[in-house]
Amino acid sequence: MLSIIMPVYNEAETLPHALALVSQSLPGVAKEIIIVDDGSTDGGREWLQANFPTGLRQAASMAVDAAGNLVFADEPSLAPVTVRLLHHRSNSGKGAALQTGLAAATGDVIVIQDADLEYDPADWTVMHDLVVQRRVADVVYGSRFYGRPHRSLYFHHYLANRFISLMFNLLYNQTLTDIECCYKMFTRDVLDQLHLTCNDFGCEIQISAQIARAGRWRIYETGISYFGRTYEEGKKIGWQDGVKAIWYLLRFRMFN
């Protein structure tokens, strides 16, 4: 089974469509979607409670109706999709939401999915194949720099991302091109060895640092699409997170 960890904070506009896309991806694979609402205040929490009143729902797939609510379909030919809803009382950060979601995951393979439609779950096909069918990878990173559709936005974001990836590779002896990419798919064995403590976006660095320092997992990277957003459209990460990322790179290299 594939566990999809979806941290959500103020993504009421995109969340329904993100859930529909996730449910329709890899239709032959049983999936659990673990939604962690991190104290949303934009109506997203109320929407989730209305669509998942018991906090648990199972179907074959989901679609969005004209009113913006989910329609649940049962199709015997499709693998089941189980949705589990968890809440934080207040906003604690993406890292905190990931910690909650990862602790609840029961799948053999885990992947992280944002709720903002910047990433396309259709790109999981190659990632999942490397882990489950070919069995050549324990960890697969997505990369937004391999020629797939990639929205052109902020040069300073691009430059910061490349610099952070370069520093990571120098410090941890890797060759990854997009260390800050949301899409990271890994096995249960990898999850069981992770010990996350970062509550903010530093979780991206901490996950990668612990994977690289373990030195025993087969790491792959594959191109993915990227439908980025502007700040006006809801982008949350800022320059402060880039500065923190450099500190985290050094901190997790020097200390366990």
Protein backbone atom coordinates (compact mmCIF):
# COMPACT_ATOMS: atom_id res chain seq x y z
CA MET A 1 0.00 0.00 0.00
CA LEU A 2 1.08 3.56 -0.75
CA SER A 3 0.76 6.12 2.06
CA ILE A 4 0.35 9.72 0.88
CA ILE A 5 1.14 12.33 3.52
CA MET A 6 -0.65 15.60 2.76
CA PRO A 7 0.03 18.57 5.08
CA VAL A 8 -2.61 21.27 4.62
CA TYR A 9 -2.55 24.90 5.71
CA ASN A 10 -4.95 27.42 4.17
CA GLU A 11 -5.35 25.63 0.84
CA ALA A 12 -9.16 25.55 0.70
CA GLU A 13 -9.22 26.60 -2.96
CA THR A 14 -6.91 23.88 -4.28
CA LEU A 15 -7.39 21.07 -1.75
CA PRO A 16 -10.49 19.43 -3.32
CA HIS A 17 -8.84 19.12 -6.73
CA ALA A 18 -5.56 17.94 -5.20
CA LEU A 19 -7.39 15.14 -3.39
CA ALA A 20 -9.21 14.13 -6.57
CA LEU A 21 -5.93 13.94 -8.51
CA VAL A 22 -4.25 11.93 -5.76
CA SER A 23 -7.13 9.44 -5.56
CA GLN A 24 -7.03 8.89 -9.34
CA SER A 25 -3.26 8.32 -9.53
CA LEU A 26 -1.85 4.78 -9.67
CA PRO A 27 -5.36 3.29 -9.92
CA GLY A 28 -4.13 -0.26 -9.43
CA VAL A 29 -2.35 0.53 -6.16
CA ALA A 30 -4.11 0.57 -2.79
CA LYS A 31 -3.60 3.98 -1.18
CA GLU A 32 -4.14 5.75 2.10
CA ILE A 33 -4.24 9.55 2.07
CA ILE A 34 -3.34 11.01 5.45
CA ILE A 35 -4.45 14.63 5.57
CA VAL A 36 -2.99 16.72 8.38
CA ASP A 37 -4.84 20.02 8.71
CA ASP A 38 -2.29 22.33 10.32
CA GLY A 39 -4.70 24.86 11.85
CA SER A 40 -6.24 26.22 8.64
CA THR A 41 -8.27 29.42 9.03
CA ASP A 42 -9.48 29.90 5.42
CA GLY A 43 -12.48 27.56 5.65
CA GLY A 44 -10.43 24.50 4.73
CA ARG A 45 -10.91 22.87 8.11
CA GLU A 46 -14.68 23.23 7.88
CA TRP A 47 -14.63 21.85 4.33
CA LEU A 48 -12.65 18.83 5.47
CA GLN A 49 -15.01 18.19 8.36
CA ALA A 50 -18.01 18.42 6.03
CA ASN A 51 -16.53 15.99 3.51
CA PHE A 52 -14.98 13.64 6.08
CA PRO A 53 -17.34 13.93 9.06
CA THR A 54 -15.99 10.83 10.81
CA GLY A 55 -12.37 11.51 9.87
CA LEU A 56 -12.26 8.33 7.81
CA ARG A 57 -13.60 7.54 4.33
CA GLN A 58 -12.95 4.81 1.75
CA ALA A 59 -13.71 4.83 -1.96
CA ALA A 60 -12.17 3.86 -5.28
CA SER A 61 -11.70 7.47 -6.41
CA MET A 62 -12.88 11.01 -5.79
CA ALA A 63 -14.06 13.84 -8.02
CA VAL A 64 -15.14 17.43 -7.35
CA ASP A 65 -18.73 18.47 -8.00
CA ALA A 66 -20.02 21.90 -9.07
CA ALA A 67 -20.36 23.00 -5.43
CA GLY A 68 -16.72 22.19 -4.69
CA ASN A 69 -17.44 19.09 -2.62
CA LEU A 70 -16.11 15.59 -3.17
CA VAL A 71 -18.02 12.85 -4.91
CA PHE A 72 -16.91 9.39 -3.82
CA ALA A 73 -17.03 6.57 -6.39
CA ASP A 74 -16.93 2.83 -5.72
CA GLU A 75 -15.43 0.85 -8.58
CA PRO A 76 -14.57 -2.83 -7.98
CA SER A 77 -11.90 -2.77 -10.71
CA LEU A 78 -9.93 -0.05 -8.91
CA ALA A 79 -7.78 -0.43 -5.80
CA PRO A 80 -9.27 1.12 -2.64
CA VAL A 81 -8.38 4.61 -1.43
CA THR A 82 -8.68 5.29 2.29
CA VAL A 83 -8.67 8.88 3.55
CA ARG A 84 -7.73 9.63 7.16
CA LEU A 85 -8.14 13.14 8.53
CA LEU A 86 -5.97 14.47 11.37
CA HIS A 87 -5.98 17.95 12.89
CA HIS A 88 -3.56 20.28 14.65
CA ARG A 89 -5.26 22.74 16.99
CA SER A 90 -3.11 25.58 15.68
CA ASN A 91 -0.59 26.17 12.91
CA SER A 92 2.65 24.40 13.83
CA GLY A 93 4.52 24.29 10.50
CA LYS A 94 4.95 21.89 7.60
CA GLY A 95 7.54 19.85 9.47
CA ALA A 96 5.17 19.34 12.39
CA ALA A 97 2.40 18.26 10.01
CA LEU A 98 4.75 15.79 8.33
CA GLN A 99 5.76 14.34 11.68
CA THR A 100 2.09 13.74 12.54
CA GLY A 101 1.32 12.25 9.14
CA LEU A 102 4.38 10.01 8.95
CA ALA A 103 3.71 8.65 12.42
CA ALA A 104 0.24 7.57 11.25
CA ALA A 105 1.36 6.00 7.95
CA THR A 106 0.80 2.26 7.57
CA GLY A 107 1.90 1.74 3.95
CA ASP A 108 4.91 -0.12 2.57
CA VAL A 109 5.82 2.93 0.48
CA ILE A 110 5.39 6.58 1.47
CA VAL A 111 5.23 9.77 -0.57
CA ILE A 112 4.75 13.43 0.41
CA GLN A 113 2.15 15.50 -1.43
CA ASP A 114 1.37 19.20 -1.00
CA ALA A 115 -2.23 20.39 -1.33
CA ASP A 116 -1.51 23.38 -3.59
CA LEU A 117 -1.57 21.79 -7.09
CA GLU A 118 2.05 22.75 -7.79
CA TYR A 119 2.86 19.05 -8.26
CA ASP A 120 1.14 16.39 -10.37
CA PRO A 121 0.58 12.92 -8.80
CA ALA A 122 0.73 11.43 -12.32
CA ASP A 123 4.51 11.75 -11.91
CA TRP A 124 4.43 9.05 -9.23
CA THR A 125 4.24 6.35 -11.90
CA VAL A 126 7.98 6.34 -12.61
CA MET A 127 8.87 6.84 -8.94
CA HIS A 128 6.68 3.94 -7.82
CA ASP A 129 8.05 1.71 -10.59
CA LEU A 130 11.62 2.26 -9.41
CA VAL A 131 10.71 1.32 -5.83
CA VAL A 132 8.11 -1.43 -6.25
CA GLN A 133 8.37 -3.01 -9.70
CA ARG A 134 12.05 -2.69 -10.57
CA ARG A 135 13.10 -2.67 -6.90
CA VAL A 136 16.23 -0.68 -7.64
CA ALA A 137 15.48 2.27 -5.33
CA ASP A 138 14.77 2.79 -1.64
CA VAL A 139 14.30 6.54 -2.08
CA VAL A 140 13.21 8.48 -5.19
CA TYR A 141 13.38 12.27 -5.41
CA GLY A 142 11.45 14.30 -7.90
CA SER A 143 13.34 17.03 -9.72
CA ARG A 144 11.83 20.10 -11.35
CA PHE A 145 14.96 20.56 -13.49
CA TYR A 146 14.76 17.63 -15.92
CA GLY A 147 12.90 19.16 -18.84
CA ARG A 148 9.30 18.51 -17.77
CA PRO A 149 6.77 21.42 -17.82
CA HIS A 150 8.10 23.95 -15.32
CA ARG A 151 6.49 27.33 -14.76
CA SER A 152 9.00 30.17 -14.98
CA LEU A 153 8.73 32.34 -11.88
CA TYR A 154 11.29 33.89 -9.53
CA PHE A 155 14.98 33.84 -10.46
CA HIS A 156 16.03 34.28 -6.82
CA HIS A 157 14.04 31.15 -5.91
CA TYR A 158 15.77 29.23 -8.69
CA LEU A 159 19.19 30.49 -7.64
CA ALA A 160 18.58 29.70 -3.96
CA ASN A 161 17.34 26.21 -4.79
CA ARG A 162 20.36 25.44 -6.95
CA PHE A 163 22.73 26.80 -4.31
CA ILE A 164 21.11 24.79 -1.52
CA SER A 165 21.23 21.63 -3.65
CA LEU A 166 24.90 22.27 -4.46
CA MET A 167 25.76 22.75 -0.79
CA PHE A 168 23.88 19.61 0.12
CA ASN A 169 25.75 17.58 -2.48
CA LEU A 170 29.11 18.92 -1.28
CA LEU A 171 28.35 18.25 2.38
CA TYR A 172 26.64 14.88 1.97
CA ASN A 173 28.41 13.48 -1.12
CA GLN A 174 25.31 13.29 -3.32
CA THR A 175 24.35 14.37 -6.86
CA LEU A 176 20.74 15.52 -6.38
CA THR A 177 19.51 18.51 -8.39
CA ASP A 178 16.41 19.58 -6.42
CA ILE A 179 16.79 18.94 -2.71
CA GLU A 180 13.84 21.18 -1.79
CA CYS A 181 11.41 19.30 -4.01
CA CYS A 182 8.23 18.16 -2.26
CA TYR A 183 8.16 14.78 -4.01
CA LYS A 184 10.13 12.26 -2.00
CA MET A 185 9.02 8.62 -2.17
CA PHE A 186 10.61 6.04 0.11
CA THR A 187 10.14 2.61 1.64
CA ARG A 188 8.86 1.69 5.08
CA ASP A 189 12.42 0.75 6.07
CA VAL A 190 13.55 4.31 5.38
CA LEU A 191 10.61 5.80 7.29
CA ASP A 192 11.33 3.64 10.32
CA GLN A 193 14.83 5.13 10.52
CA LEU A 194 13.81 8.78 10.20
CA HIS A 195 13.64 10.93 13.32
CA LEU A 196 12.25 14.34 12.42
CA THR A 197 12.34 17.28 14.83
CA CYS A 198 12.06 20.32 12.52
CA ASN A 199 8.62 21.91 12.60
CA ASP A 200 9.24 24.32 9.72
CA PHE A 201 10.40 23.92 6.11
CA GLY A 202 13.71 22.67 7.50
CA CYS A 203 12.07 19.26 7.46
CA GLU A 204 13.04 18.98 3.78
CA ILE A 205 16.72 19.28 4.68
CA GLN A 206 16.43 17.04 7.74
CA ILE A 207 14.80 14.20 5.80
CA SER A 208 17.47 14.35 3.11
CA ALA A 209 20.34 14.68 5.60
CA GLN A 210 19.23 11.60 7.53
CA ILE A 211 18.78 9.59 4.34
CA ALA A 212 22.21 10.60 2.99
CA ARG A 213 24.03 10.09 6.29
CA ALA A 214 22.61 6.58 6.68
CA GLY A 215 24.71 5.61 3.66
CA ARG A 216 22.82 2.39 2.95
CA TRP A 217 19.82 3.33 0.83
CA ARG A 218 19.69 3.43 -2.95
CA ILE A 219 18.73 6.96 -3.97
CA TYR A 220 17.30 7.83 -7.39
CA GLU A 221 16.00 11.02 -8.97
CA THR A 222 13.48 11.51 -11.77
CA GLY A 223 12.01 14.49 -13.59
CA ILE A 224 8.60 15.84 -12.57
CA SER A 225 6.32 18.66 -13.69
CA TYR A 226 6.02 21.87 -11.69
CA PHE A 227 3.06 24.23 -11.81
CA GLY A 228 4.42 26.86 -9.44
CA ARG A 229 2.46 29.67 -7.80
CA THR A 230 3.19 33.32 -7.19
CA TYR A 231 2.88 34.84 -3.72
CA GLU A 232 -0.42 36.38 -4.82
CA GLU A 233 -1.62 32.87 -5.66
CA GLY A 234 -0.68 31.51 -2.24
CA LYS A 235 3.06 30.75 -2.28
CA LYS A 236 4.23 30.48 1.35
CA ILE A 237 7.98 29.83 1.38
CA GLY A 238 10.12 32.98 1.71
CA TRP A 239 13.74 34.14 1.77
CA GLN A 240 13.94 33.46 5.52
CA ASP A 241 13.38 29.76 4.79
CA GLY A 242 16.31 29.82 2.38
CA VAL A 243 18.61 31.25 5.05
CA LYS A 244 17.38 28.65 7.54
CA ALA A 245 18.02 25.90 4.99
CA ILE A 246 21.72 26.82 4.82
CA TRP A 247 21.95 26.68 8.61
CA TYR A 248 20.17 23.33 8.66
CA LEU A 249 22.55 21.93 6.04
CA LEU A 250 25.49 22.68 8.32
CA ARG A 251 23.74 21.71 11.55
CA PHE A 252 22.62 18.26 10.34
CA ARG A 253 26.03 17.56 8.83
CA MET A 254 27.91 18.34 12.04
CA PHE A 255 25.43 16.92 14.53
CA ASN A 256 23.17 13.86 14.53
